Amino acid sequence: MASTPGGSGRREVWDVPGPATRLLLATPDEHLLPEVARTARALGLAVFGTGDLLDVTDERGGRGLDRLLARLARELTPAEADGVRVAADPPEEWAALVSRLLTAPTLAVELARRGVTAEIAVLAEAEFRSVYQPLVRLDDRAVVAHEALLRGVVDGREVGGGDLFFVAESAGWLPRLDRIGWELAIAGAASWLGDADLFVNSHPAAVARPQVGLAGAEQALHDAGIDPSRLVVEVGEISAATDRGHLLAVLEHHRSLGWRVALDDVAAGWSSRSLMAAIRPDVVKLGKALVQALPDEGARTTVGSVVEAAHRLGAVVVAEGVETEEVAEAVAALGADLGQGWLFGRPVPPPSDEEGTASTYTRVARSR
């Protein structure tokens, strides 16, 4: 792993699978492998089956297996693809073979990594950097924080964080991309953040063991000289709702380090209220769609209700997606504390990037 000249970036190489001539597929679903075997034989592949294990060999250099994987991507449901483990070009020695099967990815992950079901070039051929959008106090418009947003550039086009993380999650690389996002966000802000807070997005599912998975972010903060109390970790409402127990364990670790917690994209409904009560966030961010529905009377009622509930918990309320003075005045009148949106500033590279004196890019290269 090499440093990017003149900056804090890194060169990353992702383990993108090459052509395979043999696949071992294992699943407890006794009905699935016979269907896979029939498809493989129809494509001229050599197939050997032993109960819940299928051995498929391509004697023509791998093109037949490529066709098989493409067929399976079309014919299997997502649940079926998630229920099959697949080892490509497995070792011949038995102990090593067993070890490989125990750690083998699911078929869904293998299909994504091979670019069959996900645009893997988004990761494998992209340069990553953090851009930053200001958060301002609504009463005097003073900038008090910046949110770091991960961006990728592929063949001259920018790719948003949502697409990046979708591909990473599909290919089993979510923890790694989450770590890169953390470290780039912190390193890119070190020289200019001043006394402002830094908001960083995080995916709880990416952190299996907080003490290990967040060690890099903790070290990056130390190296950057940023006080831990100025870091605000944003957790999206959708990802937060998937595994409440794990989420609370991760957030407890955040707080033990002195970091604060923001619940992002909060809207109406029981789910939002339930999460707010469970998480007790330091910051509540009103969802963009809700804010931009103002001055609709229904949206006004919802915003007012969420603001009141957040303030009862002692949370600061941020209105996202503020693009007009009318909306800024509306959310301020309803009690929101901070605003974020194009009215106050669009996401931009850090000042050092604009001046050409540093780089926060990460180069991601396809393995050969």
Protein backbone atom coordinates (compact mmCIF):
# COMPACT_ATOMS: atom_id res chain seq x y z
CA MET A 1 0.00 0.00 0.00
CA ALA A 2 1.68 3.20 -1.19
CA SER A 3 1.04 6.81 -0.28
CA THR A 4 -0.28 9.20 -2.88
CA PRO A 5 2.46 11.76 -3.68
CA GLY A 6 1.90 15.07 -1.94
CA GLY A 7 -1.12 14.02 0.06
CA SER A 8 -2.72 11.76 2.63
CA GLY A 9 -4.32 9.35 0.18
CA ARG A 10 -3.56 5.66 -0.27
CA ARG A 11 -3.40 3.27 -3.17
CA GLU A 12 -5.88 0.45 -2.61
CA VAL A 13 -6.01 -2.83 -4.50
CA TRP A 14 -9.29 -4.76 -4.29
CA ASP A 15 -9.34 -8.51 -4.65
CA VAL A 16 -11.39 -8.71 -7.85
CA PRO A 17 -11.65 -12.37 -8.93
CA GLY A 18 -10.10 -13.39 -12.23
CA PRO A 19 -11.39 -16.12 -14.59
CA ALA A 20 -12.01 -19.47 -12.88
CA THR A 21 -11.94 -23.00 -14.27
CA ARG A 22 -13.52 -24.75 -11.28
CA LEU A 23 -16.25 -23.90 -8.79
CA LEU A 24 -17.32 -25.66 -5.63
CA LEU A 25 -20.84 -24.74 -4.52
CA ALA A 26 -22.31 -25.71 -1.17
CA THR A 27 -25.77 -25.14 0.29
CA PRO A 28 -28.13 -26.83 2.75
CA ASP A 29 -30.97 -26.34 0.24
CA GLU A 30 -31.36 -29.86 -1.18
CA HIS A 31 -33.47 -28.64 -4.12
CA LEU A 32 -31.16 -25.92 -5.37
CA LEU A 33 -27.98 -27.71 -6.40
CA PRO A 34 -29.71 -30.19 -8.75
CA GLU A 35 -31.11 -27.18 -10.65
CA VAL A 36 -27.64 -25.62 -10.80
CA ALA A 37 -26.20 -28.94 -12.01
CA ARG A 38 -28.74 -29.19 -14.84
CA THR A 39 -27.92 -25.66 -15.96
CA ALA A 40 -24.17 -26.37 -15.82
CA ARG A 41 -24.47 -29.57 -17.86
CA ALA A 42 -26.58 -27.77 -20.47
CA LEU A 43 -23.64 -25.37 -20.88
CA GLY A 44 -21.22 -28.27 -21.50
CA LEU A 45 -19.54 -28.16 -18.08
CA ALA A 46 -18.30 -31.20 -16.16
CA VAL A 47 -20.43 -31.65 -13.04
CA PHE A 48 -19.92 -33.89 -10.02
CA GLY A 49 -22.37 -33.84 -7.13
CA THR A 50 -22.14 -35.23 -3.61
CA GLY A 51 -25.31 -34.32 -1.72
CA ASP A 52 -25.10 -30.71 -0.71
CA LEU A 53 -21.78 -30.06 -2.54
CA LEU A 54 -21.44 -29.47 -6.27
CA ASP A 55 -18.13 -29.52 -8.18
CA VAL A 56 -18.25 -27.79 -11.58
CA THR A 57 -15.24 -27.78 -13.93
CA ASP A 58 -14.75 -25.85 -17.15
CA GLU A 59 -12.21 -27.45 -19.46
CA ARG A 60 -12.42 -24.57 -21.93
CA GLY A 61 -10.60 -21.93 -19.90
CA GLY A 62 -13.40 -20.40 -17.86
CA ARG A 63 -15.81 -19.02 -20.44
CA GLY A 64 -18.36 -21.68 -19.63
CA LEU A 65 -18.25 -20.78 -15.94
CA ASP A 66 -18.73 -17.12 -16.83
CA ARG A 67 -21.88 -18.10 -18.73
CA LEU A 68 -23.03 -20.27 -15.82
CA LEU A 69 -22.65 -17.40 -13.34
CA ALA A 70 -24.53 -15.07 -15.66
CA ARG A 71 -27.38 -17.60 -15.93
CA LEU A 72 -27.50 -18.09 -12.17
CA ALA A 73 -27.67 -14.33 -11.63
CA ARG A 74 -30.82 -14.27 -13.76
CA GLU A 75 -32.45 -17.45 -12.52
CA LEU A 76 -31.83 -17.49 -8.75
CA THR A 77 -33.63 -15.28 -6.31
CA PRO A 78 -31.53 -13.02 -4.04
CA ALA A 79 -32.35 -15.29 -1.09
CA GLU A 80 -31.14 -18.36 -2.99
CA ALA A 81 -27.92 -16.63 -4.06
CA ASP A 82 -27.32 -15.62 -0.44
CA GLY A 83 -27.77 -19.23 0.66
CA VAL A 84 -25.01 -20.72 -1.51
CA ARG A 85 -21.32 -20.64 -0.67
CA VAL A 86 -18.94 -20.73 -3.62
CA ALA A 87 -15.19 -21.35 -3.78
CA ALA A 88 -13.48 -20.57 -7.09
CA ASP A 89 -10.43 -22.65 -8.09
CA PRO A 90 -10.24 -24.32 -4.66
CA PRO A 91 -7.07 -26.03 -3.41
CA GLU A 92 -6.68 -29.78 -3.85
CA GLU A 93 -5.44 -30.52 -0.32
CA TRP A 94 -8.38 -31.51 1.89
CA ALA A 95 -7.70 -29.38 4.97
CA ALA A 96 -7.10 -26.30 2.85
CA LEU A 97 -10.23 -27.06 0.86
CA VAL A 98 -12.36 -27.29 4.00
CA SER A 99 -10.89 -24.02 5.27
CA ARG A 100 -11.66 -22.31 1.96
CA LEU A 101 -15.27 -23.49 2.02
CA LEU A 102 -15.77 -22.29 5.59
CA THR A 103 -14.68 -18.78 4.60
CA ALA A 104 -16.04 -18.79 1.06
CA PRO A 105 -18.26 -15.87 0.00
CA THR A 106 -21.88 -16.37 -0.87
CA LEU A 107 -22.81 -16.72 -4.50
CA ALA A 108 -24.43 -13.27 -4.29
CA VAL A 109 -21.11 -11.74 -3.22
CA GLU A 110 -19.15 -13.68 -5.85
CA LEU A 111 -21.52 -12.46 -8.58
CA ALA A 112 -21.11 -8.86 -7.42
CA ARG A 113 -17.31 -9.11 -7.23
CA ARG A 114 -17.18 -10.44 -10.77
CA GLY A 115 -19.29 -7.57 -12.03
CA VAL A 116 -22.21 -9.83 -12.93
CA THR A 117 -24.76 -8.14 -10.66
CA ALA A 118 -23.00 -4.88 -9.69
CA GLU A 119 -20.97 -2.28 -11.56
CA ILE A 120 -17.75 -3.30 -9.89
CA ALA A 121 -15.74 -0.72 -11.87
CA VAL A 122 -17.29 1.89 -9.58
CA LEU A 123 -14.88 0.59 -6.93
CA ALA A 124 -12.16 -1.16 -8.90
CA GLU A 125 -11.40 1.75 -11.23
CA ALA A 126 -12.26 4.75 -9.07
CA GLU A 127 -10.40 7.49 -7.25
CA PHE A 128 -11.97 8.43 -3.93
CA ARG A 129 -11.93 11.66 -2.00
CA SER A 130 -13.93 13.49 0.62
CA VAL A 131 -15.87 16.63 -0.14
CA TYR A 132 -17.31 18.83 2.59
CA GLN A 133 -20.61 20.66 3.02
CA PRO A 134 -21.09 23.33 5.71
CA LEU A 135 -23.69 23.33 8.47
CA VAL A 136 -24.72 26.76 9.71
CA ARG A 137 -26.60 28.21 12.66
CA LEU A 138 -29.96 29.35 11.38
CA ASP A 139 -30.09 32.45 13.57
CA ASP A 140 -26.84 34.09 12.38
CA ARG A 141 -25.69 31.82 9.48
CA ALA A 142 -22.32 31.16 11.15
CA VAL A 143 -20.61 27.95 9.94
CA VAL A 144 -20.29 25.59 12.90
CA ALA A 145 -19.62 22.23 11.25
CA HIS A 146 -18.83 20.43 8.00
CA GLU A 147 -20.15 17.07 6.79
CA ALA A 148 -17.66 14.85 4.95
CA LEU A 149 -19.14 13.06 1.95
CA LEU A 150 -17.34 10.30 0.08
CA ARG A 151 -17.11 10.68 -3.69
CA GLY A 152 -15.59 8.57 -6.44
CA VAL A 153 -14.38 9.54 -9.89
CA VAL A 154 -14.55 6.91 -12.65
CA ASP A 155 -13.57 7.86 -16.21
CA GLY A 156 -14.14 11.51 -15.42
CA ARG A 157 -17.61 11.09 -13.94
CA GLU A 158 -18.39 11.56 -10.27
CA VAL A 159 -20.07 8.76 -8.36
CA GLY A 160 -22.00 9.51 -5.18
CA GLY A 161 -21.54 7.81 -1.84
CA GLY A 162 -24.84 5.93 -2.11
CA ASP A 163 -23.72 4.08 -5.25
CA LEU A 164 -20.26 3.44 -3.82
CA PHE A 165 -21.60 1.84 -0.67
CA PHE A 166 -24.24 -0.15 -2.57
CA VAL A 167 -21.52 -1.80 -4.68
CA ALA A 168 -19.25 -2.29 -1.66
CA GLU A 169 -22.00 -3.95 0.35
CA SER A 170 -22.98 -6.19 -2.59
CA ALA A 171 -19.37 -7.34 -3.01
CA GLY A 172 -18.67 -7.86 0.69
CA TRP A 173 -16.36 -4.84 0.94
CA LEU A 174 -18.52 -2.59 3.11
CA PRO A 175 -16.18 -2.61 6.16
CA ARG A 176 -13.20 -1.67 4.02
CA LEU A 177 -14.92 1.16 2.18
CA ASP A 178 -16.38 2.44 5.45
CA ARG A 179 -12.88 2.56 6.93
CA ILE A 180 -11.51 4.39 3.89
CA GLY A 181 -14.34 6.91 4.13
CA TRP A 182 -13.59 7.56 7.80
CA GLU A 183 -9.88 8.04 7.32
CA LEU A 184 -10.15 10.21 4.21
CA ALA A 185 -12.76 12.42 5.88
CA ILE A 186 -10.57 13.02 8.91
CA ALA A 187 -7.27 13.44 7.06
CA GLY A 188 -8.82 15.80 4.53
CA ALA A 189 -10.17 18.11 7.24
CA ALA A 190 -7.11 18.20 9.49
CA SER A 191 -5.45 21.33 8.10
CA TRP A 192 -8.47 23.65 7.90
CA LEU A 193 -11.30 22.46 10.19
CA GLY A 194 -10.42 24.87 12.99
CA ASP A 195 -12.97 24.88 15.82
CA ALA A 196 -15.83 23.49 13.69
CA ASP A 197 -17.31 20.04 14.18
CA LEU A 198 -16.79 17.27 11.64
CA PHE A 199 -19.76 15.08 10.66
CA VAL A 200 -18.79 11.67 9.24
CA ASN A 201 -21.23 9.07 7.87
CA SER A 202 -20.91 5.53 9.16
CA HIS A 203 -22.59 2.20 8.45
CA PRO A 204 -23.10 0.18 11.67
CA ALA A 205 -23.16 -3.08 9.69
CA ALA A 206 -19.58 -2.33 8.59
CA VAL A 207 -18.29 -2.49 12.17
CA ALA A 208 -18.32 -6.06 13.43
CA ARG A 209 -16.10 -5.35 16.46
CA PRO A 210 -15.95 -1.63 17.32
CA GLN A 211 -12.65 -1.86 19.21
CA VAL A 212 -11.00 -3.25 16.07
CA GLY A 213 -13.03 -1.77 13.23
CA LEU A 214 -12.83 1.80 14.54
CA ALA A 215 -9.20 1.74 15.64
CA GLY A 216 -8.10 3.32 12.34
CA ALA A 217 -10.55 6.20 12.74
CA GLU A 218 -9.42 6.75 16.33
CA GLN A 219 -5.77 6.84 15.20
CA ALA A 220 -6.60 9.15 12.28
CA LEU A 221 -8.23 11.63 14.68
CA HIS A 222 -5.17 11.55 16.91
CA ASP A 223 -2.81 12.04 13.97
CA ALA A 224 -4.92 14.93 12.65
CA GLY A 225 -4.97 16.66 16.03
CA ILE A 226 -8.79 16.83 16.02
CA ASP A 227 -10.41 16.72 19.44
CA PRO A 228 -12.64 13.62 19.66
CA SER A 229 -15.54 15.71 21.00
CA ARG A 230 -15.71 17.52 17.64
CA LEU A 231 -16.47 14.31 15.73
CA VAL A 232 -20.15 13.63 15.05
CA VAL A 233 -20.95 10.16 13.68
CA GLU A 234 -23.99 10.11 11.38
CA VAL A 235 -26.10 6.96 11.30
CA GLY A 236 -28.83 6.71 8.67
CA GLU A 237 -32.31 5.82 9.87
CA ILE A 238 -32.66 2.88 7.45
CA SER A 239 -29.34 1.25 8.37
CA ALA A 240 -29.92 1.99 12.04
CA ALA A 241 -33.18 0.07 12.05
CA THR A 242 -31.77 -3.22 10.76
CA ASP A 243 -30.04 -4.54 13.90
CA ARG A 244 -30.92 -2.51 16.97
CA GLY A 245 -28.73 -4.47 19.40
CA HIS A 246 -25.61 -4.22 17.27
CA LEU A 247 -26.28 -0.56 16.56
CA LEU A 248 -26.49 0.32 20.24
CA ALA A 249 -23.24 -1.54 20.97
CA VAL A 250 -21.43 0.37 18.22
CA LEU A 251 -22.81 3.71 19.37
CA GLU A 252 -21.85 2.96 22.96
CA HIS A 253 -18.27 2.53 21.75
CA HIS A 254 -18.47 5.82 19.83
CA ARG A 255 -19.50 7.63 22.97
CA SER A 256 -16.82 5.94 25.07
CA LEU A 257 -14.31 7.63 22.75
CA GLY A 258 -15.93 11.03 23.25
CA TRP A 259 -17.62 11.07 19.83
CA ARG A 260 -21.16 12.33 19.40
CA VAL A 261 -23.97 10.63 17.49
CA ALA A 262 -26.35 12.00 14.86
CA LEU A 263 -29.46 10.22 13.58
CA ASP A 264 -29.71 11.08 9.89
CA ASP A 265 -32.67 11.41 7.54
CA VAL A 266 -35.32 11.47 10.27
CA ALA A 267 -38.89 11.68 9.00
CA ALA A 268 -42.37 11.02 10.32
CA GLY A 269 -43.62 7.79 11.76
CA TRP A 270 -43.16 5.34 14.57
CA SER A 271 -39.77 4.10 13.35
CA SER A 272 -38.17 7.53 13.70
CA ARG A 273 -39.62 8.10 17.16
CA SER A 274 -38.60 4.63 18.30
CA LEU A 275 -35.03 5.09 17.07
CA MET A 276 -34.73 8.51 18.65
CA ALA A 277 -35.85 7.13 21.99
CA ALA A 278 -33.47 4.14 21.77
CA ILE A 279 -30.41 5.98 20.47
CA ARG A 280 -30.91 9.30 22.28
CA PRO A 281 -28.83 11.08 19.63
CA ASP A 282 -26.88 14.25 20.23
CA VAL A 283 -28.00 15.51 16.82
CA VAL A 284 -31.18 14.85 14.84
CA LYS A 285 -31.09 15.59 11.10
CA LEU A 286 -34.45 16.21 9.46
CA GLY A 287 -34.71 14.35 6.15
CA LYS A 288 -34.34 16.35 2.95
CA ALA A 289 -37.70 15.23 1.54
CA LEU A 290 -39.49 16.33 4.69
CA VAL A 291 -37.78 19.72 4.79
CA GLN A 292 -38.38 20.43 1.11
CA ALA A 293 -42.09 19.66 1.51
CA LEU A 294 -42.40 22.90 3.50
CA PRO A 295 -44.45 25.06 3.74
CA ASP A 296 -47.03 22.27 3.30
CA GLU A 297 -49.14 22.17 6.44
CA GLY A 298 -48.63 18.44 6.96
CA ALA A 299 -44.86 18.84 6.71
CA ARG A 300 -45.00 21.78 9.15
CA THR A 301 -46.82 19.64 11.69
CA THR A 302 -44.36 16.77 11.29
CA VAL A 303 -41.26 18.96 11.47
CA GLY A 304 -42.58 20.71 14.56
CA SER A 305 -43.33 17.38 16.22
CA VAL A 306 -39.88 15.91 15.45
CA VAL A 307 -38.12 19.09 16.61
CA GLU A 308 -40.04 19.06 19.87
CA ALA A 309 -39.22 15.38 20.49
CA ALA A 310 -35.54 15.91 19.66
CA HIS A 311 -35.24 18.93 21.97
CA ARG A 312 -36.82 16.93 24.79
CA LEU A 313 -33.90 14.50 24.39
CA GLY A 314 -31.43 17.38 24.45
CA ALA A 315 -30.53 16.96 20.78
CA VAL A 316 -29.55 19.67 18.31
CA VAL A 317 -31.78 19.67 15.22
CA VAL A 318 -30.34 20.08 11.71
CA ALA A 319 -32.58 20.73 8.70
CA GLU A 320 -31.07 19.12 5.59
CA GLY A 321 -31.84 20.09 1.99
CA VAL A 322 -32.34 23.82 2.63
CA GLU A 323 -32.15 25.44 -0.80
CA THR A 324 -34.27 28.59 -0.47
CA GLU A 325 -34.65 31.42 2.02
CA GLU A 326 -38.32 30.52 2.37
CA VAL A 327 -37.45 27.03 3.62
CA ALA A 328 -34.67 28.38 5.85
CA GLU A 329 -37.10 30.75 7.53
CA ALA A 330 -39.72 28.03 7.87
CA VAL A 331 -37.45 25.50 9.62
CA ALA A 332 -36.03 28.22 11.87
CA ALA A 333 -39.54 29.25 12.88
CA LEU A 334 -40.32 25.61 13.69
CA GLY A 335 -37.35 25.41 16.05
CA ALA A 336 -34.54 23.83 14.01
CA ASP A 337 -31.11 24.91 15.23
CA LEU A 338 -28.86 24.33 12.22
CA GLY A 339 -29.30 24.24 8.46
CA GLN A 340 -27.53 22.37 5.68
CA GLY A 341 -28.11 22.64 1.94
CA TRP A 342 -27.23 24.45 -1.25
CA LEU A 343 -28.45 27.77 0.15
CA PHE A 344 -25.49 27.72 2.54
CA GLY A 345 -22.94 25.88 0.42
CA ARG A 346 -22.54 22.86 -1.84
CA PRO A 347 -20.15 19.97 -1.12
CA VAL A 348 -16.64 21.01 -2.20
CA PRO A 349 -13.12 19.60 -1.95
CA PRO A 350 -11.08 20.79 1.03
CA PRO A 351 -9.13 24.06 0.57
CA SER A 352 -5.85 22.19 0.20
CA ASP A 353 -7.23 20.31 -2.83
CA GLU A 354 -8.50 23.52 -4.42
CA GLU A 355 -5.06 25.10 -3.99
CA GLY A 356 -3.34 22.04 -5.44
CA THR A 357 -1.10 21.58 -2.39
CA ALA A 358 -2.45 18.29 -1.13
CA SER A 359 -4.52 15.34 -2.22
CA THR A 360 -7.08 13.25 -0.38
CA TYR A 361 -7.62 10.84 -3.25
CA THR A 362 -7.42 7.11 -2.89
CA ARG A 363 -6.56 5.16 -5.99
CA VAL A 364 -8.32 1.83 -6.31
CA ALA A 365 -6.76 -0.53 -8.81
CA ARG A 366 -8.06 -3.80 -10.24
CA SER A 367 -5.97 -6.80 -9.21
CA ARG A 368 -4.49 -8.82 -12.03
